[in-house]
Amino acid sequence: MAQKISVKIAGRTFNLTAASPQQEEVFRLAAEAINKRFVGYTQSHPGKTVADMLSMVALSETVLRIGLQKEMEKLRQSESNLEKDLEQYLKDIEQ
């Protein structure tokens, strides 16, 4: 059941619709993560605009996401290789 929720990011309120309680939790966790990074950048780069800080948050989160995607690709390839090795091993011991 869809539920309307509000989250605050960098002091601004955003009204969203969460399709499930799990999605609501993800929205809230995401907003919390963004705000933590935003505060960190604000403290380490005083005088920058909100847009500058949010751009840095977006960049850092995207870099993190791409890094995780690449790691997942490597893990999937390793899994595939292990499956092939196992299949070959099982064929070898059957003979």
Protein backbone atom coordinates (compact mmCIF):
# COMPACT_ATOMS: atom_id res chain seq x y z
CA MET A 1 0.00 0.00 0.00
CA ALA A 2 1.44 3.37 -1.03
CA GLN A 3 2.10 5.84 1.74
CA LYS A 4 2.93 9.53 1.54
CA ILE A 5 6.04 10.45 3.51
CA SER A 6 8.22 13.52 3.97
CA VAL A 7 11.99 13.57 4.18
CA LYS A 8 14.32 16.49 4.83
CA ILE A 9 17.47 16.91 2.78
CA ALA A 10 19.76 19.86 3.39
CA GLY A 11 16.99 21.62 5.28
CA ARG A 12 14.39 21.23 2.54
CA THR A 13 11.35 18.99 2.88
CA PHE A 14 10.47 16.60 0.08
CA ASN A 15 7.12 14.83 -0.13
CA LEU A 16 7.39 11.35 -1.56
CA THR A 17 5.21 8.29 -2.03
CA ALA A 18 6.60 5.03 -0.72
CA ALA A 19 5.15 1.93 -2.37
CA SER A 20 5.91 -0.24 0.68
CA PRO A 21 7.26 -0.01 4.22
CA GLN A 22 10.59 -1.30 2.87
CA GLN A 23 10.77 1.52 0.33
CA GLU A 24 9.90 4.04 3.03
CA GLU A 25 12.81 2.77 5.10
CA VAL A 26 15.13 3.06 2.09
CA PHE A 27 13.98 6.65 1.45
CA ARG A 28 14.61 7.59 5.08
CA LEU A 29 18.00 5.88 5.19
CA ALA A 30 19.00 7.57 1.93
CA ALA A 31 17.97 10.99 3.24
CA GLU A 32 19.93 10.36 6.44
CA ALA A 33 23.04 9.34 4.47
CA ILE A 34 22.76 12.40 2.22
CA ASN A 35 22.38 14.71 5.21
CA LYS A 36 25.43 13.20 6.95
CA ARG A 37 27.58 13.71 3.85
CA PHE A 38 26.13 17.18 3.36
CA VAL A 39 27.04 18.20 6.92
CA GLY A 40 30.53 16.74 6.47
CA TYR A 41 31.13 18.66 3.26
CA THR A 42 29.67 21.83 4.76
CA GLN A 43 32.11 21.61 7.66
CA SER A 44 35.12 20.84 5.49
CA HIS A 45 34.28 23.37 2.76
CA PRO A 46 32.78 26.43 4.48
CA GLY A 47 31.43 29.14 2.23
CA LYS A 48 30.31 26.83 -0.57
CA THR A 49 26.72 26.97 -1.74
CA VAL A 50 24.10 24.37 -0.93
CA ALA A 51 24.10 23.41 -4.61
CA ASP A 52 27.88 22.91 -4.51
CA MET A 53 27.61 20.71 -1.42
CA LEU A 54 24.76 18.65 -2.86
CA SER A 55 26.73 18.23 -6.08
CA MET A 56 29.65 16.85 -4.07
CA VAL A 57 27.28 14.51 -2.21
CA ALA A 58 25.85 13.31 -5.53
CA LEU A 59 29.33 12.78 -6.94
CA SER A 60 30.61 10.86 -3.92
CA GLU A 61 27.51 8.66 -3.72
CA THR A 62 27.66 7.93 -7.45
CA VAL A 63 31.36 7.07 -7.26
CA LEU A 64 30.55 4.70 -4.39
CA ARG A 65 27.66 3.11 -6.33
CA ILE A 66 29.77 2.60 -9.46
CA GLY A 67 32.56 1.08 -7.37
CA LEU A 68 30.08 -1.34 -5.81
CA GLN A 69 28.66 -2.23 -9.23
CA LYS A 70 32.14 -3.02 -10.52
CA GLU A 71 32.84 -5.15 -7.44
CA MET A 72 29.56 -7.02 -8.02
CA GLU A 73 30.59 -7.69 -11.61
CA LYS A 74 33.87 -9.16 -10.38
CA LEU A 75 32.05 -11.30 -7.81
CA ARG A 76 29.60 -12.57 -10.43
CA GLN A 77 32.49 -13.49 -12.71
CA SER A 78 34.22 -15.29 -9.83
CA GLU A 79 30.99 -17.14 -9.08
CA SER A 80 30.68 -18.16 -12.71
CA ASN A 81 34.28 -19.38 -12.76
CA LEU A 82 33.76 -21.36 -9.57
CA GLU A 83 30.62 -22.97 -10.99
CA LYS A 84 32.53 -24.00 -14.13
CA ASP A 85 35.37 -25.38 -12.02
CA LEU A 86 32.93 -27.33 -9.86
CA GLU A 87 31.14 -28.76 -12.89
CA GLN A 88 34.47 -29.83 -14.36
CA TYR A 89 35.56 -31.36 -11.07
CA LEU A 90 32.32 -33.33 -10.80
CA LYS A 91 32.70 -34.57 -14.37
CA ASP A 92 36.27 -35.62 -13.63
CA ILE A 93 35.38 -37.64 -10.54
CA GLU A 94 32.46 -39.37 -12.33
CA GLN A 95 34.80 -40.79 -14.95
